[in-house]
Amino acid sequence: LKSLVENMARKRYSAMEQFAEIRMLKERGYTIQQIAGKIDLDLEFTRGVAHLIEHGEAKLLNAVVASRIPISLAVDISRLEEGAIQ
């Protein structure tokens, strides 16, 4: 019962709040594995978000949040050269 009450009381963070937390934890020197554990997100998703944040890909992050594209595709797009994207 105590665990249930704690889970119900826990705030639900928006995707953008989680992304900001990933950025802050990365800046503090935490590894991707540690960050994923702390914010309870999938390791590969956390790695992808960290990559997009590090490369300033706000539009791609917004597309992921809006469920327009999966994180894996967003990361792939961010790695392409400008000419290859077109």
C-alpha atoms as a PDB file:
ATOM      1  CA  LEU A   1       0.000   0.000   0.000  1.00  0.00           C
ATOM      2  CA  LYS A   2       2.850   2.373   0.851  1.00  0.00           C
ATOM      3  CA  SER A   3       4.443   1.749  -2.556  1.00  0.00           C
ATOM      4  CA  LEU A   4       1.125   2.403  -4.306  1.00  0.00           C
ATOM      5  CA  VAL A   5       0.673   5.710  -2.480  1.00  0.00           C
ATOM      6  CA  GLU A   6       4.231   6.762  -3.364  1.00  0.00           C
ATOM      7  CA  ASN A   7       3.649   5.944  -7.034  1.00  0.00           C
ATOM      8  CA  MET A   8       0.397   7.899  -7.090  1.00  0.00           C
ATOM      9  CA  ALA A   9       2.042  10.908  -5.442  1.00  0.00           C
ATOM     10  CA  ARG A  10       4.977  10.926  -7.835  1.00  0.00           C
ATOM     11  CA  LYS A  11       4.780  13.768 -10.308  1.00  0.00           C
ATOM     12  CA  ARG A  12       4.532  12.872 -13.983  1.00  0.00           C
ATOM     13  CA  TYR A  13       7.138  14.841 -15.903  1.00  0.00           C
ATOM     14  CA  SER A  14       6.610  16.041 -19.436  1.00  0.00           C
ATOM     15  CA  ALA A  15       8.982  14.850 -22.141  1.00  0.00           C
ATOM     16  CA  MET A  16      10.631  18.266 -22.315  1.00  0.00           C
ATOM     17  CA  GLU A  17      11.191  18.261 -18.536  1.00  0.00           C
ATOM     18  CA  GLN A  18      12.804  14.827 -18.849  1.00  0.00           C
ATOM     19  CA  PHE A  19      15.006  16.077 -21.695  1.00  0.00           C
ATOM     20  CA  ALA A  20      16.102  19.045 -19.588  1.00  0.00           C
ATOM     21  CA  GLU A  21      16.924  16.661 -16.747  1.00  0.00           C
ATOM     22  CA  ILE A  22      18.986  14.480 -19.109  1.00  0.00           C
ATOM     23  CA  ARG A  23      20.936  17.574 -20.185  1.00  0.00           C
ATOM     24  CA  MET A  24      21.573  18.682 -16.596  1.00  0.00           C
ATOM     25  CA  LEU A  25      22.658  15.230 -15.419  1.00  0.00           C
ATOM     26  CA  LYS A  26      24.972  14.871 -18.430  1.00  0.00           C
ATOM     27  CA  GLU A  27      26.522  18.256 -17.622  1.00  0.00           C
ATOM     28  CA  ARG A  28      27.081  17.064 -14.047  1.00  0.00           C
ATOM     29  CA  GLY A  29      29.121  14.148 -15.368  1.00  0.00           C
ATOM     30  CA  TYR A  30      26.686  11.247 -15.067  1.00  0.00           C
ATOM     31  CA  THR A  31      26.933   8.430 -17.618  1.00  0.00           C
ATOM     32  CA  ILE A  32      24.041   7.599 -19.927  1.00  0.00           C
ATOM     33  CA  GLN A  33      23.451   4.380 -17.947  1.00  0.00           C
ATOM     34  CA  GLN A  34      23.247   6.317 -14.677  1.00  0.00           C
ATOM     35  CA  ILE A  35      20.929   8.904 -16.206  1.00  0.00           C
ATOM     36  CA  ALA A  36      18.592   6.270 -17.652  1.00  0.00           C
ATOM     37  CA  GLY A  37      18.365   4.632 -14.232  1.00  0.00           C
ATOM     38  CA  LYS A  38      17.767   7.896 -12.404  1.00  0.00           C
ATOM     39  CA  ILE A  39      14.921   9.057 -14.626  1.00  0.00           C
ATOM     40  CA  ASP A  40      13.590   5.568 -15.398  1.00  0.00           C
ATOM     41  CA  LEU A  41      13.852   5.732 -19.180  1.00  0.00           C
ATOM     42  CA  ASP A  42      15.050   3.145 -21.677  1.00  0.00           C
ATOM     43  CA  LEU A  43      18.834   3.222 -22.144  1.00  0.00           C
ATOM     44  CA  GLU A  44      18.732   3.573 -25.943  1.00  0.00           C
ATOM     45  CA  PHE A  45      16.056   6.268 -25.770  1.00  0.00           C
ATOM     46  CA  THR A  46      18.126   8.177 -23.202  1.00  0.00           C
ATOM     47  CA  ARG A  47      21.241   7.801 -25.356  1.00  0.00           C
ATOM     48  CA  GLY A  48      19.344   9.118 -28.387  1.00  0.00           C
ATOM     49  CA  VAL A  49      17.932  12.094 -26.518  1.00  0.00           C
ATOM     50  CA  ALA A  50      21.374  12.961 -25.134  1.00  0.00           C
ATOM     51  CA  HIS A  51      22.805  12.809 -28.662  1.00  0.00           C
ATOM     52  CA  LEU A  52      20.122  15.142 -30.024  1.00  0.00           C
ATOM     53  CA  ILE A  53      20.593  17.572 -27.126  1.00  0.00           C
ATOM     54  CA  GLU A  54      24.379  17.613 -27.583  1.00  0.00           C
ATOM     55  CA  HIS A  55      23.961  18.409 -31.283  1.00  0.00           C
ATOM     56  CA  GLY A  56      21.333  21.128 -30.802  1.00  0.00           C
ATOM     57  CA  GLU A  57      18.577  19.226 -32.597  1.00  0.00           C
ATOM     58  CA  ALA A  58      15.550  20.899 -30.978  1.00  0.00           C
ATOM     59  CA  LYS A  59      13.317  20.360 -34.024  1.00  0.00           C
ATOM     60  CA  LEU A  60      14.047  16.649 -34.039  1.00  0.00           C
ATOM     61  CA  LEU A  61      13.397  16.433 -30.289  1.00  0.00           C
ATOM     62  CA  ASN A  62      10.059  18.163 -30.809  1.00  0.00           C
ATOM     63  CA  ALA A  63       9.197  15.675 -33.556  1.00  0.00           C
ATOM     64  CA  VAL A  64       9.990  12.798 -31.183  1.00  0.00           C
ATOM     65  CA  VAL A  65       7.830  14.331 -28.437  1.00  0.00           C
ATOM     66  CA  ALA A  66       4.949  14.755 -30.892  1.00  0.00           C
ATOM     67  CA  SER A  67       5.359  11.086 -31.936  1.00  0.00           C
ATOM     68  CA  ARG A  68       5.951  12.106 -35.546  1.00  0.00           C
ATOM     69  CA  ILE A  69       9.196  10.131 -35.742  1.00  0.00           C
ATOM     70  CA  PRO A  70      10.888   7.545 -33.517  1.00  0.00           C
ATOM     71  CA  ILE A  71      14.028   8.476 -31.617  1.00  0.00           C
ATOM     72  CA  SER A  72      16.152   6.131 -33.741  1.00  0.00           C
ATOM     73  CA  LEU A  73      15.165   7.939 -36.946  1.00  0.00           C
ATOM     74  CA  ALA A  74      15.763  11.339 -35.336  1.00  0.00           C
ATOM     75  CA  VAL A  75      19.290  10.268 -34.370  1.00  0.00           C
ATOM     76  CA  ASP A  76      19.930   8.911 -37.873  1.00  0.00           C
ATOM     77  CA  ILE A  77      18.776  12.195 -39.419  1.00  0.00           C
ATOM     78  CA  SER A  78      20.994  14.207 -37.056  1.00  0.00           C
ATOM     79  CA  ARG A  79      24.035  12.232 -38.209  1.00  0.00           C
ATOM     80  CA  LEU A  80      23.511  12.922 -41.917  1.00  0.00           C
ATOM     81  CA  GLU A  81      25.342  15.657 -43.748  1.00  0.00           C
ATOM     82  CA  GLU A  82      23.215  18.525 -45.027  1.00  0.00           C
ATOM     83  CA  GLY A  83      23.336  17.351 -48.656  1.00  0.00           C
ATOM     84  CA  ALA A  84      22.411  13.788 -47.720  1.00  0.00           C
ATOM     85  CA  ILE A  85      19.288  14.982 -45.904  1.00  0.00           C
ATOM     86  CA  GLN A  86      17.955  16.658 -49.022  1.00  0.00           C
END
